[in-house]
Amino acid sequence: MSEAQPAPALIAEATKRAGVIWITAGGRRPRPVWHVWRDGAYVLTGPGEQDVPGLTASGPVTVTVPSKDTGGCLVTWTAQVSRVEPGSAEWSSIIGALLAGRLNEAAGPGAVSPAGRWAQTGNVYRLTPVNPRPGDPVR
């Protein structure tokens, strides 16, 4: 990373307010992605969900947050990617917010809940800003 990472407070505030962020992963072109912010950006992928090629828990990605007013780049930050394991405490703490973000999400065939389907065929990833400044927590 050639430029310094923005302050964690700026990353958190800008990303919280953005309905969509752009993720550049695995050397591919940037992709618009909806997310939920909870001490990091949580992204849902999988069949019937948003496709983010190259997004895996194996390397950092670039996150670009657009301005709601102009659509231009408000802030860009680097994130480490980790997969949230279904059934984990982290999964339980974020799945409700993801469901709320998908207001139009209905139960699938056989009345499988969206959360159940995501656990079986989807992935939830947490994007955590890297290199935060010491003593400056990400909120």
N, C-alpha and C. Protein backbone atom coordinates (compact mmCIF):
# COMPACT_ATOMS: atom_id res chain seq x y z
N MET A 1 0.85 -1.16 0.00
CA MET A 1 0.00 0.00 0.00
C MET A 1 0.90 1.22 0.00
N SER A 2 0.79 2.06 -1.01
CA SER A 2 1.68 3.20 -1.14
C SER A 2 1.20 4.40 -0.35
N GLU A 3 -0.09 4.56 -0.14
CA GLU A 3 -0.62 5.68 0.61
C GLU A 3 -1.02 5.22 1.99
N ALA A 4 -1.00 6.16 2.94
CA ALA A 4 -1.41 5.82 4.29
C ALA A 4 -2.90 5.52 4.32
N GLN A 5 -3.25 4.58 5.16
CA GLN A 5 -4.66 4.23 5.35
C GLN A 5 -5.36 5.43 6.00
N PRO A 6 -6.57 5.77 5.55
CA PRO A 6 -7.31 6.85 6.21
C PRO A 6 -7.55 6.52 7.68
N ALA A 7 -7.85 7.52 8.46
CA ALA A 7 -8.14 7.32 9.88
C ALA A 7 -9.34 6.39 10.04
N PRO A 8 -9.31 5.49 11.01
CA PRO A 8 -10.42 4.57 11.22
C PRO A 8 -11.78 5.26 11.39
N ALA A 9 -11.79 6.40 12.05
CA ALA A 9 -13.06 7.11 12.23
C ALA A 9 -13.64 7.56 10.89
N LEU A 10 -12.78 8.00 9.98
CA LEU A 10 -13.23 8.41 8.64
C LEU A 10 -13.75 7.21 7.86
N ILE A 11 -13.01 6.11 7.92
CA ILE A 11 -13.44 4.88 7.24
C ILE A 11 -14.82 4.47 7.74
N ALA A 12 -14.97 4.41 9.06
CA ALA A 12 -16.24 3.96 9.65
C ALA A 12 -17.38 4.90 9.29
N GLU A 13 -17.19 6.18 9.44
CA GLU A 13 -18.28 7.13 9.18
C GLU A 13 -18.69 7.13 7.72
N ALA A 14 -17.74 7.17 6.83
CA ALA A 14 -18.06 7.20 5.40
C ALA A 14 -18.72 5.89 4.96
N THR A 15 -18.20 4.77 5.41
CA THR A 15 -18.70 3.47 4.97
C THR A 15 -20.08 3.19 5.55
N LYS A 16 -20.32 3.58 6.81
CA LYS A 16 -21.64 3.41 7.43
C LYS A 16 -22.72 4.09 6.61
N ARG A 17 -22.42 5.28 6.10
CA ARG A 17 -23.42 6.09 5.40
C ARG A 17 -23.63 5.66 3.95
N ALA A 18 -22.72 4.89 3.41
CA ALA A 18 -22.81 4.49 2.01
C ALA A 18 -23.73 3.28 1.86
N GLY A 19 -24.66 3.33 0.94
CA GLY A 19 -25.51 2.19 0.67
C GLY A 19 -24.77 1.13 -0.13
N VAL A 20 -23.83 1.60 -0.94
CA VAL A 20 -23.03 0.72 -1.80
C VAL A 20 -21.57 1.12 -1.67
N ILE A 21 -20.71 0.12 -1.64
CA ILE A 21 -19.27 0.37 -1.71
C ILE A 21 -18.75 -0.35 -2.95
N TRP A 22 -17.58 0.03 -3.41
CA TRP A 22 -16.96 -0.64 -4.56
C TRP A 22 -15.78 -1.44 -4.03
N ILE A 23 -15.72 -2.72 -4.40
CA ILE A 23 -14.64 -3.59 -3.95
C ILE A 23 -13.81 -4.01 -5.15
N THR A 24 -12.50 -3.84 -5.02
CA THR A 24 -11.55 -4.34 -6.01
C THR A 24 -10.82 -5.51 -5.37
N ALA A 25 -11.02 -6.70 -5.93
CA ALA A 25 -10.46 -7.91 -5.34
C ALA A 25 -9.81 -8.77 -6.41
N GLY A 26 -8.70 -9.39 -6.06
CA GLY A 26 -8.06 -10.36 -6.94
C GLY A 26 -7.66 -9.81 -8.30
N GLY A 27 -7.31 -8.52 -8.37
CA GLY A 27 -6.88 -7.93 -9.62
C GLY A 27 -8.00 -7.71 -10.63
N ARG A 28 -9.22 -7.90 -10.21
CA ARG A 28 -10.36 -7.72 -11.11
C ARG A 28 -10.86 -6.28 -11.05
N ARG A 29 -11.81 -5.96 -11.93
CA ARG A 29 -12.36 -4.61 -11.94
C ARG A 29 -13.21 -4.38 -10.69
N PRO A 30 -13.36 -3.13 -10.26
CA PRO A 30 -14.18 -2.84 -9.08
C PRO A 30 -15.63 -3.26 -9.28
N ARG A 31 -16.24 -3.75 -8.21
CA ARG A 31 -17.64 -4.18 -8.24
C ARG A 31 -18.44 -3.42 -7.20
N PRO A 32 -19.64 -2.95 -7.57
CA PRO A 32 -20.50 -2.33 -6.56
C PRO A 32 -21.12 -3.42 -5.68
N VAL A 33 -21.13 -3.18 -4.38
CA VAL A 33 -21.58 -4.20 -3.43
C VAL A 33 -22.35 -3.51 -2.30
N TRP A 34 -23.51 -4.06 -1.94
CA TRP A 34 -24.19 -3.57 -0.74
C TRP A 34 -23.56 -4.25 0.46
N HIS A 35 -23.65 -3.61 1.59
CA HIS A 35 -22.97 -4.11 2.78
C HIS A 35 -23.71 -3.64 4.03
N VAL A 36 -23.27 -4.15 5.15
CA VAL A 36 -23.71 -3.69 6.47
C VAL A 36 -22.45 -3.38 7.25
N TRP A 37 -22.40 -2.22 7.91
CA TRP A 37 -21.23 -1.85 8.72
C TRP A 37 -21.48 -2.20 10.18
N ARG A 38 -20.60 -3.00 10.76
CA ARG A 38 -20.59 -3.32 12.19
C ARG A 38 -19.13 -3.59 12.55
N ASP A 39 -18.39 -2.56 12.93
CA ASP A 39 -16.95 -2.71 13.23
C ASP A 39 -16.21 -3.34 12.05
N GLY A 40 -16.62 -3.05 10.88
CA GLY A 40 -16.11 -3.57 9.62
C GLY A 40 -17.29 -3.71 8.67
N ALA A 41 -17.01 -3.86 7.40
CA ALA A 41 -18.08 -4.01 6.42
C ALA A 41 -18.36 -5.49 6.22
N TYR A 42 -19.61 -5.87 6.32
CA TYR A 42 -20.02 -7.26 6.08
C TYR A 42 -20.70 -7.35 4.73
N VAL A 43 -20.28 -8.32 3.94
CA VAL A 43 -20.73 -8.48 2.57
C VAL A 43 -21.26 -9.91 2.40
N LEU A 44 -22.40 -10.03 1.72
CA LEU A 44 -23.01 -11.32 1.46
C LEU A 44 -22.82 -11.68 -0.01
N THR A 45 -22.33 -12.89 -0.29
CA THR A 45 -22.15 -13.36 -1.67
C THR A 45 -22.74 -14.76 -1.80
N GLY A 46 -22.91 -15.20 -3.02
CA GLY A 46 -23.37 -16.56 -3.26
C GLY A 46 -24.46 -16.62 -4.30
N PRO A 47 -24.96 -17.81 -4.58
CA PRO A 47 -26.02 -17.98 -5.58
C PRO A 47 -27.24 -17.11 -5.24
N GLY A 48 -27.69 -16.34 -6.22
CA GLY A 48 -28.82 -15.46 -6.01
C GLY A 48 -28.48 -14.18 -5.27
N GLU A 49 -27.22 -14.03 -4.94
CA GLU A 49 -26.75 -12.82 -4.23
C GLU A 49 -25.73 -12.12 -5.11
N GLN A 50 -25.13 -11.09 -4.58
CA GLN A 50 -24.15 -10.35 -5.37
C GLN A 50 -22.90 -11.19 -5.64
N ASP A 51 -22.38 -11.03 -6.84
CA ASP A 51 -21.20 -11.77 -7.28
C ASP A 51 -19.99 -10.86 -7.13
N VAL A 52 -19.00 -11.31 -6.37
CA VAL A 52 -17.78 -10.53 -6.17
C VAL A 52 -16.60 -11.44 -6.46
N PRO A 53 -16.26 -11.64 -7.74
CA PRO A 53 -15.13 -12.51 -8.07
C PRO A 53 -13.85 -12.04 -7.40
N GLY A 54 -13.09 -12.98 -6.90
CA GLY A 54 -11.81 -12.66 -6.26
C GLY A 54 -11.91 -12.36 -4.78
N LEU A 55 -13.12 -12.23 -4.26
CA LEU A 55 -13.29 -11.95 -2.84
C LEU A 55 -13.21 -13.25 -2.07
N THR A 56 -12.11 -13.46 -1.41
CA THR A 56 -11.92 -14.64 -0.57
C THR A 56 -11.18 -14.19 0.68
N ALA A 57 -11.04 -15.08 1.59
CA ALA A 57 -10.34 -14.76 2.83
C ALA A 57 -8.82 -14.88 2.67
N SER A 58 -8.33 -14.80 1.44
CA SER A 58 -6.90 -15.04 1.23
C SER A 58 -6.06 -13.77 1.07
N GLY A 59 -6.67 -12.62 0.91
CA GLY A 59 -5.83 -11.44 0.72
C GLY A 59 -6.59 -10.15 0.88
N PRO A 60 -5.85 -9.04 0.93
CA PRO A 60 -6.50 -7.74 1.10
C PRO A 60 -7.23 -7.31 -0.17
N VAL A 61 -8.21 -6.43 0.02
CA VAL A 61 -8.98 -5.85 -1.07
C VAL A 61 -8.98 -4.33 -0.90
N THR A 62 -9.32 -3.63 -1.97
CA THR A 62 -9.46 -2.19 -1.90
C THR A 62 -10.94 -1.85 -1.87
N VAL A 63 -11.33 -1.01 -0.93
CA VAL A 63 -12.71 -0.59 -0.78
C VAL A 63 -12.78 0.90 -1.12
N THR A 64 -13.65 1.24 -2.06
CA THR A 64 -13.85 2.64 -2.42
C THR A 64 -15.26 3.02 -2.01
N VAL A 65 -15.36 4.09 -1.23
CA VAL A 65 -16.65 4.57 -0.75
C VAL A 65 -17.02 5.81 -1.55
N PRO A 66 -18.15 5.74 -2.29
CA PRO A 66 -18.55 6.89 -3.09
C PRO A 66 -19.29 7.93 -2.25
N SER A 67 -19.22 9.16 -2.71
CA SER A 67 -19.99 10.24 -2.10
C SER A 67 -21.44 10.12 -2.53
N LYS A 68 -22.37 10.25 -1.59
CA LYS A 68 -23.79 10.21 -1.94
C LYS A 68 -24.17 11.42 -2.78
N ASP A 69 -23.46 12.53 -2.60
CA ASP A 69 -23.79 13.76 -3.32
C ASP A 69 -23.30 13.76 -4.75
N THR A 70 -22.05 13.35 -4.95
CA THR A 70 -21.46 13.47 -6.29
C THR A 70 -21.23 12.14 -6.98
N GLY A 71 -21.19 11.05 -6.21
CA GLY A 71 -20.88 9.75 -6.78
C GLY A 71 -19.39 9.52 -6.94
N GLY A 72 -18.59 10.57 -6.73
CA GLY A 72 -17.14 10.45 -6.81
C GLY A 72 -16.59 9.76 -5.58
N CYS A 73 -15.32 9.47 -5.60
CA CYS A 73 -14.66 8.78 -4.49
C CYS A 73 -14.59 9.68 -3.26
N LEU A 74 -15.16 9.21 -2.16
CA LEU A 74 -15.10 9.92 -0.90
C LEU A 74 -13.86 9.48 -0.11
N VAL A 75 -13.67 8.17 -0.02
CA VAL A 75 -12.52 7.62 0.68
C VAL A 75 -12.24 6.22 0.13
N THR A 76 -10.96 5.87 0.10
CA THR A 76 -10.54 4.52 -0.31
C THR A 76 -9.72 3.93 0.82
N TRP A 77 -9.99 2.66 1.13
CA TRP A 77 -9.26 2.01 2.20
C TRP A 77 -8.98 0.56 1.85
N THR A 78 -7.99 0.01 2.52
CA THR A 78 -7.59 -1.38 2.30
C THR A 78 -8.15 -2.23 3.42
N ALA A 79 -8.69 -3.39 3.05
CA ALA A 79 -9.31 -4.27 4.04
C ALA A 79 -8.74 -5.67 3.95
N GLN A 80 -8.64 -6.30 5.09
CA GLN A 80 -8.36 -7.73 5.17
C GLN A 80 -9.69 -8.44 5.15
N VAL A 81 -9.78 -9.55 4.46
CA VAL A 81 -11.04 -10.27 4.29
C VAL A 81 -11.02 -11.54 5.14
N SER A 82 -12.10 -11.75 5.88
CA SER A 82 -12.24 -13.01 6.62
C SER A 82 -13.67 -13.52 6.42
N ARG A 83 -13.80 -14.83 6.30
CA ARG A 83 -15.12 -15.44 6.12
C ARG A 83 -15.74 -15.62 7.50
N VAL A 84 -17.01 -15.30 7.60
CA VAL A 84 -17.76 -15.50 8.84
C VAL A 84 -18.38 -16.90 8.76
N GLU A 85 -18.03 -17.72 9.70
CA GLU A 85 -18.49 -19.11 9.69
C GLU A 85 -19.94 -19.19 10.17
N PRO A 86 -20.80 -19.88 9.40
CA PRO A 86 -22.18 -20.07 9.84
C PRO A 86 -22.20 -20.75 11.21
N GLY A 87 -23.09 -20.25 12.07
CA GLY A 87 -23.22 -20.82 13.41
C GLY A 87 -22.29 -20.22 14.44
N SER A 88 -21.31 -19.44 14.00
CA SER A 88 -20.38 -18.82 14.96
C SER A 88 -21.05 -17.66 15.68
N ALA A 89 -20.43 -17.19 16.75
CA ALA A 89 -20.97 -16.04 17.48
C ALA A 89 -21.02 -14.81 16.57
N GLU A 90 -20.00 -14.65 15.72
CA GLU A 90 -19.98 -13.51 14.80
C GLU A 90 -21.14 -13.62 13.80
N TRP A 91 -21.40 -14.83 13.30
CA TRP A 91 -22.53 -15.05 12.38
C TRP A 91 -23.83 -14.63 13.06
N SER A 92 -24.03 -15.10 14.28
CA SER A 92 -25.26 -14.78 15.01
C SER A 92 -25.41 -13.28 15.23
N SER A 93 -24.30 -12.59 15.44
CA SER A 93 -24.38 -11.16 15.72
C SER A 93 -24.62 -10.32 14.47
N ILE A 94 -24.30 -10.82 13.27
CA ILE A 94 -24.44 -10.01 12.05
C ILE A 94 -25.61 -10.44 11.18
N ILE A 95 -26.09 -11.66 11.30
CA ILE A 95 -27.09 -12.16 10.35
C ILE A 95 -28.38 -11.36 10.41
N GLY A 96 -28.80 -10.89 11.58
CA GLY A 96 -30.00 -10.08 11.68
C GLY A 96 -29.89 -8.78 10.91
N ALA A 97 -28.73 -8.15 10.99
CA ALA A 97 -28.51 -6.89 10.26
C ALA A 97 -28.49 -7.14 8.75
N LEU A 98 -27.92 -8.27 8.32
CA LEU A 98 -27.93 -8.61 6.90
C LEU A 98 -29.36 -8.89 6.42
N LEU A 99 -30.13 -9.58 7.22
CA LEU A 99 -31.53 -9.84 6.87
C LEU A 99 -32.31 -8.52 6.76
N ALA A 100 -32.07 -7.61 7.70
CA ALA A 100 -32.75 -6.32 7.66
C ALA A 100 -32.35 -5.53 6.41
N GLY A 101 -31.10 -5.69 5.98
CA GLY A 101 -30.63 -5.01 4.77
C GLY A 101 -31.24 -5.58 3.50
N ARG A 102 -31.77 -6.77 3.58
CA ARG A 102 -32.40 -7.45 2.43
C ARG A 102 -33.90 -7.50 2.66
N LEU A 103 -34.53 -6.35 2.73
CA LEU A 103 -35.96 -6.26 3.04
C LEU A 103 -36.83 -7.06 2.09
N ASN A 104 -36.39 -7.22 0.85
CA ASN A 104 -37.19 -7.93 -0.14
C ASN A 104 -36.85 -9.42 -0.21
N GLU A 105 -36.06 -9.89 0.71
CA GLU A 105 -35.63 -11.29 0.68
C GLU A 105 -36.72 -12.19 1.24
N ALA A 106 -37.13 -13.16 0.46
CA ALA A 106 -38.17 -14.10 0.88
C ALA A 106 -37.56 -15.48 1.11
N ALA A 107 -38.30 -16.32 1.80
CA ALA A 107 -37.86 -17.70 2.00
C ALA A 107 -37.78 -18.40 0.64
N GLY A 108 -36.82 -19.27 0.51
CA GLY A 108 -36.62 -19.98 -0.75
C GLY A 108 -37.49 -21.21 -0.87
N PRO A 109 -37.21 -22.04 -1.89
CA PRO A 109 -37.98 -23.28 -2.08
C PRO A 109 -37.94 -24.14 -0.81
N GLY A 110 -39.07 -24.74 -0.48
CA GLY A 110 -39.11 -25.57 0.72
C GLY A 110 -39.14 -24.75 1.99
N ALA A 111 -39.44 -23.46 1.86
CA ALA A 111 -39.53 -22.54 3.00
C ALA A 111 -38.22 -22.42 3.78
N VAL A 112 -37.10 -22.55 3.10
CA VAL A 112 -35.80 -22.34 3.75
C VAL A 112 -35.63 -20.84 3.98
N SER A 113 -35.32 -20.46 5.19
CA SER A 113 -35.14 -19.05 5.49
C SER A 113 -33.93 -18.51 4.74
N PRO A 114 -33.89 -17.20 4.48
CA PRO A 114 -32.71 -16.64 3.83
C PRO A 114 -31.42 -16.95 4.61
N ALA A 115 -31.46 -16.83 5.92
CA ALA A 115 -30.26 -17.11 6.72
C ALA A 115 -29.84 -18.57 6.57
N GLY A 116 -30.80 -19.47 6.53
CA GLY A 116 -30.49 -20.88 6.33
C GLY A 116 -29.88 -21.13 4.96
N ARG A 117 -30.43 -20.48 3.94
CA ARG A 117 -29.88 -20.63 2.59
C ARG A 117 -28.46 -20.05 2.51
N TRP A 118 -28.27 -18.89 3.13
CA TRP A 118 -26.94 -18.28 3.12
C TRP A 118 -25.93 -19.18 3.82
N ALA A 119 -26.34 -19.83 4.90
CA ALA A 119 -25.44 -20.74 5.61
C ALA A 119 -25.06 -21.93 4.75
N GLN A 120 -26.00 -22.38 3.89
CA GLN A 120 -25.75 -23.56 3.05
C GLN A 120 -25.00 -23.22 1.76
N THR A 121 -25.37 -22.13 1.10
CA THR A 121 -24.82 -21.90 -0.25
C THR A 121 -24.14 -20.54 -0.43
N GLY A 122 -24.20 -19.69 0.57
CA GLY A 122 -23.61 -18.35 0.43
C GLY A 122 -22.38 -18.18 1.29
N ASN A 123 -21.87 -16.99 1.27
CA ASN A 123 -20.74 -16.63 2.12
C ASN A 123 -20.97 -15.25 2.68
N VAL A 124 -20.63 -15.06 3.93
CA VAL A 124 -20.60 -13.74 4.54
C VAL A 124 -19.14 -13.46 4.83
N TYR A 125 -18.68 -12.31 4.33
CA TYR A 125 -17.30 -11.90 4.56
C TYR A 125 -17.27 -10.62 5.37
N ARG A 126 -16.27 -10.53 6.23
CA ARG A 126 -16.03 -9.30 6.98
C ARG A 126 -14.82 -8.62 6.37
N LEU A 127 -14.96 -7.35 6.06
CA LEU A 127 -13.86 -6.54 5.55
C LEU A 127 -13.40 -5.63 6.69
N THR A 128 -12.21 -5.89 7.18
CA THR A 128 -11.67 -5.14 8.31
C THR A 128 -10.55 -4.23 7.83
N PRO A 129 -10.63 -2.93 8.13
CA PRO A 129 -9.55 -2.03 7.72
C PRO A 129 -8.20 -2.50 8.28
N VAL A 130 -7.17 -2.46 7.45
CA VAL A 130 -5.83 -2.86 7.89
C VAL A 130 -5.05 -1.64 8.34
N ASN A 131 -4.05 -1.90 9.15
CA ASN A 131 -3.14 -0.86 9.63
C ASN A 131 -3.82 0.33 10.29
N PRO A 132 -4.73 0.08 11.23
CA PRO A 132 -5.30 1.24 11.92
C PRO A 132 -4.23 1.92 12.76
N ARG A 133 -4.44 3.17 13.01
CA ARG A 133 -3.50 3.91 13.86
C ARG A 133 -3.66 3.42 15.29
N PRO A 134 -2.54 3.26 16.01
CA PRO A 134 -2.62 2.78 17.40
C PRO A 134 -3.51 3.69 18.24
N GLY A 135 -4.37 3.08 19.05
CA GLY A 135 -5.23 3.84 19.94
C GLY A 135 -6.43 4.47 19.26
N ASP A 136 -6.64 4.23 17.98
CA ASP A 136 -7.76 4.83 17.25
C ASP A 136 -8.67 3.71 16.78
N PRO A 137 -9.66 3.31 17.60
CA PRO A 137 -10.48 2.13 17.27
C PRO A 137 -11.39 2.37 16.08
N VAL A 138 -11.69 1.31 15.37
CA VAL A 138 -12.66 1.34 14.29
C VAL A 138 -14.02 1.09 14.91
N ARG A 139 -15.01 1.91 14.62
CA ARG A 139 -16.34 1.77 15.23
C ARG A 139 -17.38 1.44 14.21
